[in-house]
């Protein structure tokens, strides 16, 4: 398969289904579209999915002490990876709102969202040390979850938004 969604030898069914499901109804592996990619430390693609302008995704993980899910949600906005909001179900260790960085609103279930963060990610990429399966870092795109811990447990990855090459005029 051209421009495979997963690095050969590490294919996992959920990630494959995510790639196939998101590609349905669109040119699945066209090189002239923006993509959300996860690369291992050697630069090999673990995940690669179309990410058109205006679409979004979240990175979800289980809090290392309390075990509940935490979310950081991003959007492809005008060619930039932008952190839009975060969901924190509790004021547990390390989870708090920083005044002046978005606004805190109740989620109605005892937790809260930090809305309107709207911070562009420098270089459209960041490194993440993927946690163990107990933490289970995962991408959430259109309600589908792909376990990065299942693909790269306890290893460094780069999550990036890649843009199509500019066409010569």
C-alpha atoms as a PDB file:
ATOM      1  CA  UNK A   1       0.000   0.000   0.000  1.00  0.00           C
ATOM      2  CA  UNK A   2       1.477   3.334  -1.055  1.00  0.00           C
ATOM      3  CA  UNK A   3       2.235   5.761   1.797  1.00  0.00           C
ATOM      4  CA  UNK A   4       1.252   3.117   4.349  1.00  0.00           C
ATOM      5  CA  UNK A   5      -0.462   4.236   7.512  1.00  0.00           C
ATOM      6  CA  UNK A   6       1.778   2.154   9.737  1.00  0.00           C
ATOM      7  CA  UNK A   7       5.410   1.175   9.780  1.00  0.00           C
ATOM      8  CA  UNK A   8       5.842  -2.327   8.368  1.00  0.00           C
ATOM      9  CA  UNK A   9       6.070  -4.952  11.077  1.00  0.00           C
ATOM     10  CA  UNK A  10       4.233  -2.827  13.684  1.00  0.00           C
ATOM     11  CA  UNK A  11       0.771  -2.760  12.183  1.00  0.00           C
ATOM     12  CA  UNK A  12      -2.002  -2.724  14.742  1.00  0.00           C
ATOM     13  CA  UNK A  13      -5.609  -3.273  13.711  1.00  0.00           C
ATOM     14  CA  UNK A  14      -7.070  -0.153  15.433  1.00  0.00           C
ATOM     15  CA  UNK A  15      -4.557   2.152  13.766  1.00  0.00           C
ATOM     16  CA  UNK A  16      -5.124   0.492  10.403  1.00  0.00           C
ATOM     17  CA  UNK A  17      -8.868   0.843  10.815  1.00  0.00           C
ATOM     18  CA  UNK A  18      -8.427   4.502  11.755  1.00  0.00           C
ATOM     19  CA  UNK A  19      -6.421   5.175   8.617  1.00  0.00           C
ATOM     20  CA  UNK A  20      -8.873   3.293   6.423  1.00  0.00           C
ATOM     21  CA  UNK A  21     -11.927   4.806   8.084  1.00  0.00           C
ATOM     22  CA  UNK A  22     -10.753   8.403   7.856  1.00  0.00           C
ATOM     23  CA  UNK A  23      -9.752   7.930   4.251  1.00  0.00           C
ATOM     24  CA  UNK A  24     -13.133   6.601   3.115  1.00  0.00           C
ATOM     25  CA  UNK A  25     -14.743   8.898   0.604  1.00  0.00           C
ATOM     26  CA  UNK A  26     -11.582  10.913  -0.044  1.00  0.00           C
ATOM     27  CA  UNK A  27      -8.367  10.390  -1.981  1.00  0.00           C
ATOM     28  CA  UNK A  28      -6.903   8.206   0.746  1.00  0.00           C
ATOM     29  CA  UNK A  29      -3.210   8.652   0.255  1.00  0.00           C
ATOM     30  CA  UNK A  30      -2.866  11.712  -1.938  1.00  0.00           C
ATOM     31  CA  UNK A  31       0.425  13.464  -1.314  1.00  0.00           C
ATOM     32  CA  UNK A  32      -1.064  16.919  -1.846  1.00  0.00           C
ATOM     33  CA  UNK A  33      -3.019  17.078   1.405  1.00  0.00           C
ATOM     34  CA  UNK A  34      -2.183  17.915   4.985  1.00  0.00           C
ATOM     35  CA  UNK A  35      -1.597  14.928   7.241  1.00  0.00           C
ATOM     36  CA  UNK A  36      -1.316  14.220  10.944  1.00  0.00           C
ATOM     37  CA  UNK A  37       1.661  11.932  11.432  1.00  0.00           C
ATOM     38  CA  UNK A  38       3.325  10.136  14.301  1.00  0.00           C
ATOM     39  CA  UNK A  39       6.983   9.278  13.710  1.00  0.00           C
ATOM     40  CA  UNK A  40       9.239   7.079  15.796  1.00  0.00           C
ATOM     41  CA  UNK A  41      12.711   8.206  16.910  1.00  0.00           C
ATOM     42  CA  UNK A  42      14.174   6.959  13.602  1.00  0.00           C
ATOM     43  CA  UNK A  43      11.691   9.019  11.582  1.00  0.00           C
ATOM     44  CA  UNK A  44       9.614   6.013  10.528  1.00  0.00           C
ATOM     45  CA  UNK A  45       5.899   6.707  10.188  1.00  0.00           C
ATOM     46  CA  UNK A  46       3.743   4.903  12.739  1.00  0.00           C
ATOM     47  CA  UNK A  47       0.503   6.728  11.908  1.00  0.00           C
ATOM     48  CA  UNK A  48      -0.418   8.968   8.994  1.00  0.00           C
ATOM     49  CA  UNK A  49      -3.952  10.246   8.434  1.00  0.00           C
ATOM     50  CA  UNK A  50      -5.436  13.031   6.316  1.00  0.00           C
ATOM     51  CA  UNK A  51      -5.981  16.217   8.321  1.00  0.00           C
ATOM     52  CA  UNK A  52      -7.729  18.798   6.136  1.00  0.00           C
ATOM     53  CA  UNK A  53      -7.964  22.456   7.097  1.00  0.00           C
ATOM     54  CA  UNK A  54     -10.432  22.928   9.944  1.00  0.00           C
ATOM     55  CA  UNK A  55     -10.351  19.313  11.141  1.00  0.00           C
ATOM     56  CA  UNK A  56      -9.175  18.369  14.617  1.00  0.00           C
ATOM     57  CA  UNK A  57      -7.905  15.597  16.878  1.00  0.00           C
ATOM     58  CA  UNK A  58      -7.100  15.013  20.529  1.00  0.00           C
ATOM     59  CA  UNK A  59      -4.279  13.371  22.415  1.00  0.00           C
ATOM     60  CA  UNK A  60      -5.811  11.429  25.315  1.00  0.00           C
ATOM     61  CA  UNK A  61      -4.034   9.659  28.148  1.00  0.00           C
ATOM     62  CA  UNK A  62      -4.741   8.294  31.610  1.00  0.00           C
ATOM     63  CA  UNK A  63      -3.475  10.460  34.460  1.00  0.00           C
ATOM     64  CA  UNK A  64      -0.481   8.695  35.980  1.00  0.00           C
ATOM     65  CA  UNK A  65      -1.758   8.994  39.572  1.00  0.00           C
ATOM     66  CA  UNK A  66      -5.557   9.129  39.376  1.00  0.00           C
ATOM     67  CA  UNK A  67      -5.988   7.049  36.195  1.00  0.00           C
ATOM     68  CA  UNK A  68      -8.754   9.147  34.629  1.00  0.00           C
ATOM     69  CA  UNK A  69      -8.519  10.351  31.011  1.00  0.00           C
ATOM     70  CA  UNK A  70      -7.042  13.764  30.198  1.00  0.00           C
ATOM     71  CA  UNK A  71      -7.391  15.379  26.746  1.00  0.00           C
ATOM     72  CA  UNK A  72      -5.446  17.978  24.769  1.00  0.00           C
ATOM     73  CA  UNK A  73      -7.349  18.882  21.597  1.00  0.00           C
ATOM     74  CA  UNK A  74      -5.801  20.373  18.474  1.00  0.00           C
ATOM     75  CA  UNK A  75      -7.041  21.711  15.146  1.00  0.00           C
ATOM     76  CA  UNK A  76      -5.500  22.294  11.725  1.00  0.00           C
ATOM     77  CA  UNK A  77      -6.095  26.027  11.411  1.00  0.00           C
ATOM     78  CA  UNK A  78      -4.665  27.985   8.476  1.00  0.00           C
ATOM     79  CA  UNK A  79      -1.735  25.605   8.057  1.00  0.00           C
ATOM     80  CA  UNK A  80      -0.903  25.521  11.779  1.00  0.00           C
ATOM     81  CA  UNK A  81      -1.281  22.900  14.495  1.00  0.00           C
ATOM     82  CA  UNK A  82      -3.173  24.790  17.189  1.00  0.00           C
ATOM     83  CA  UNK A  83      -3.870  23.623  20.748  1.00  0.00           C
ATOM     84  CA  UNK A  84      -7.497  24.684  21.176  1.00  0.00           C
ATOM     85  CA  UNK A  85      -8.601  23.205  24.483  1.00  0.00           C
ATOM     86  CA  UNK A  86      -7.915  20.668  27.228  1.00  0.00           C
ATOM     87  CA  UNK A  87     -10.193  18.519  29.362  1.00  0.00           C
ATOM     88  CA  UNK A  88      -9.248  17.806  32.962  1.00  0.00           C
ATOM     89  CA  UNK A  89     -11.682  15.722  35.006  1.00  0.00           C
ATOM     90  CA  UNK A  90     -10.193  16.786  38.341  1.00  0.00           C
ATOM     91  CA  UNK A  91      -7.691  19.120  39.982  1.00  0.00           C
ATOM     92  CA  UNK A  92      -5.293  16.195  40.512  1.00  0.00           C
ATOM     93  CA  UNK A  93      -1.517  16.471  40.698  1.00  0.00           C
ATOM     94  CA  UNK A  94      -0.215  18.622  37.871  1.00  0.00           C
ATOM     95  CA  UNK A  95      -3.658  19.510  36.533  1.00  0.00           C
ATOM     96  CA  UNK A  96      -4.668  23.083  36.915  1.00  0.00           C
ATOM     97  CA  UNK A  97      -5.642  26.096  34.889  1.00  0.00           C
ATOM     98  CA  UNK A  98      -3.022  28.767  34.305  1.00  0.00           C
ATOM     99  CA  UNK A  99      -4.666  32.215  34.494  1.00  0.00           C
ATOM    100  CA  UNK A 100      -4.437  34.058  31.172  1.00  0.00           C
ATOM    101  CA  UNK A 101      -4.190  30.812  29.183  1.00  0.00           C
ATOM    102  CA  UNK A 102      -7.721  30.137  27.956  1.00  0.00           C
ATOM    103  CA  UNK A 103     -10.758  30.128  30.174  1.00  0.00           C
ATOM    104  CA  UNK A 104     -11.881  27.430  32.573  1.00  0.00           C
ATOM    105  CA  UNK A 105     -15.465  26.139  32.258  1.00  0.00           C
ATOM    106  CA  UNK A 106     -17.210  23.300  34.052  1.00  0.00           C
ATOM    107  CA  UNK A 107     -17.809  20.082  32.143  1.00  0.00           C
ATOM    108  CA  UNK A 108     -20.927  19.512  34.269  1.00  0.00           C
ATOM    109  CA  UNK A 109     -19.474  16.300  35.719  1.00  0.00           C
ATOM    110  CA  UNK A 110     -17.026  17.626  38.299  1.00  0.00           C
ATOM    111  CA  UNK A 111     -14.205  18.290  35.846  1.00  0.00           C
ATOM    112  CA  UNK A 112     -13.487  21.194  33.575  1.00  0.00           C
ATOM    113  CA  UNK A 113     -12.488  22.268  30.090  1.00  0.00           C
ATOM    114  CA  UNK A 114      -9.916  24.928  29.432  1.00  0.00           C
ATOM    115  CA  UNK A 115     -11.377  26.542  26.318  1.00  0.00           C
ATOM    116  CA  UNK A 116      -9.914  29.090  23.901  1.00  0.00           C
ATOM    117  CA  UNK A 117      -6.268  28.232  24.579  1.00  0.00           C
ATOM    118  CA  UNK A 118      -5.569  28.821  20.863  1.00  0.00           C
ATOM    119  CA  UNK A 119      -1.789  28.291  21.023  1.00  0.00           C
ATOM    120  CA  UNK A 120      -0.003  27.432  17.775  1.00  0.00           C
ATOM    121  CA  UNK A 121       2.472  24.580  18.246  1.00  0.00           C
ATOM    122  CA  UNK A 122       5.947  25.791  17.183  1.00  0.00           C
ATOM    123  CA  UNK A 123       7.030  24.080  13.975  1.00  0.00           C
ATOM    124  CA  UNK A 124       3.707  22.174  13.793  1.00  0.00           C
ATOM    125  CA  UNK A 125       5.289  19.332  15.787  1.00  0.00           C
ATOM    126  CA  UNK A 126       6.170  18.202  19.273  1.00  0.00           C
ATOM    127  CA  UNK A 127       7.955  15.279  20.870  1.00  0.00           C
ATOM    128  CA  UNK A 128       6.226  12.958  23.274  1.00  0.00           C
ATOM    129  CA  UNK A 129       7.605  10.215  25.474  1.00  0.00           C
ATOM    130  CA  UNK A 130       4.789   7.699  25.034  1.00  0.00           C
ATOM    131  CA  UNK A 131       3.688   6.160  28.302  1.00  0.00           C
ATOM    132  CA  UNK A 132       3.207   2.540  29.257  1.00  0.00           C
ATOM    133  CA  UNK A 133      -0.083   0.828  28.471  1.00  0.00           C
ATOM    134  CA  UNK A 134      -1.341   1.882  31.928  1.00  0.00           C
ATOM    135  CA  UNK A 135      -1.101   5.516  30.780  1.00  0.00           C
ATOM    136  CA  UNK A 136      -2.134   4.586  27.220  1.00  0.00           C
ATOM    137  CA  UNK A 137      -1.422   7.699  25.173  1.00  0.00           C
ATOM    138  CA  UNK A 138      -3.857   7.640  22.282  1.00  0.00           C
ATOM    139  CA  UNK A 139      -4.942   9.735  19.335  1.00  0.00           C
ATOM    140  CA  UNK A 140      -8.669  10.433  19.112  1.00  0.00           C
ATOM    141  CA  UNK A 141      -9.903  11.351  15.642  1.00  0.00           C
ATOM    142  CA  UNK A 142     -13.594  11.364  14.773  1.00  0.00           C
ATOM    143  CA  UNK A 143     -14.309   9.233  17.858  1.00  0.00           C
ATOM    144  CA  UNK A 144     -11.776   6.546  16.863  1.00  0.00           C
ATOM    145  CA  UNK A 145      -8.875   5.876  19.235  1.00  0.00           C
ATOM    146  CA  UNK A 146      -5.405   4.694  18.234  1.00  0.00           C
ATOM    147  CA  UNK A 147      -3.152   3.616  21.093  1.00  0.00           C
ATOM    148  CA  UNK A 148       0.272   5.191  20.685  1.00  0.00           C
ATOM    149  CA  UNK A 149       1.322   3.157  23.733  1.00  0.00           C
ATOM    150  CA  UNK A 150       0.433   0.037  21.749  1.00  0.00           C
ATOM    151  CA  UNK A 151       2.691   1.233  18.921  1.00  0.00           C
ATOM    152  CA  UNK A 152       5.590   2.840  20.809  1.00  0.00           C
ATOM    153  CA  UNK A 153       5.332   2.134  24.539  1.00  0.00           C
ATOM    154  CA  UNK A 154       8.008   3.954  26.579  1.00  0.00           C
ATOM    155  CA  UNK A 155       9.596   5.446  23.450  1.00  0.00           C
ATOM    156  CA  UNK A 156       9.914   8.933  22.010  1.00  0.00           C
ATOM    157  CA  UNK A 157       7.713   9.908  19.067  1.00  0.00           C
ATOM    158  CA  UNK A 158       7.090  13.101  17.141  1.00  0.00           C
ATOM    159  CA  UNK A 159       3.517  14.158  16.477  1.00  0.00           C
ATOM    160  CA  UNK A 160       3.360  16.565  13.551  1.00  0.00           C
ATOM    161  CA  UNK A 161       1.074  18.220  11.063  1.00  0.00           C
ATOM    162  CA  UNK A 162       2.578  18.079   7.586  1.00  0.00           C
ATOM    163  CA  UNK A 163       1.396  20.372   4.837  1.00  0.00           C
ATOM    164  CA  UNK A 164       1.386  19.738   1.098  1.00  0.00           C
ATOM    165  CA  UNK A 165       4.346  21.098  -0.810  1.00  0.00           C
ATOM    166  CA  UNK A 166       3.628  24.448  -2.419  1.00  0.00           C
ATOM    167  CA  UNK A 167       3.078  24.102  -6.127  1.00  0.00           C
ATOM    168  CA  UNK A 168       5.432  26.181  -8.307  1.00  0.00           C
ATOM    169  CA  UNK A 169       3.777  29.148 -10.016  1.00  0.00           C
END
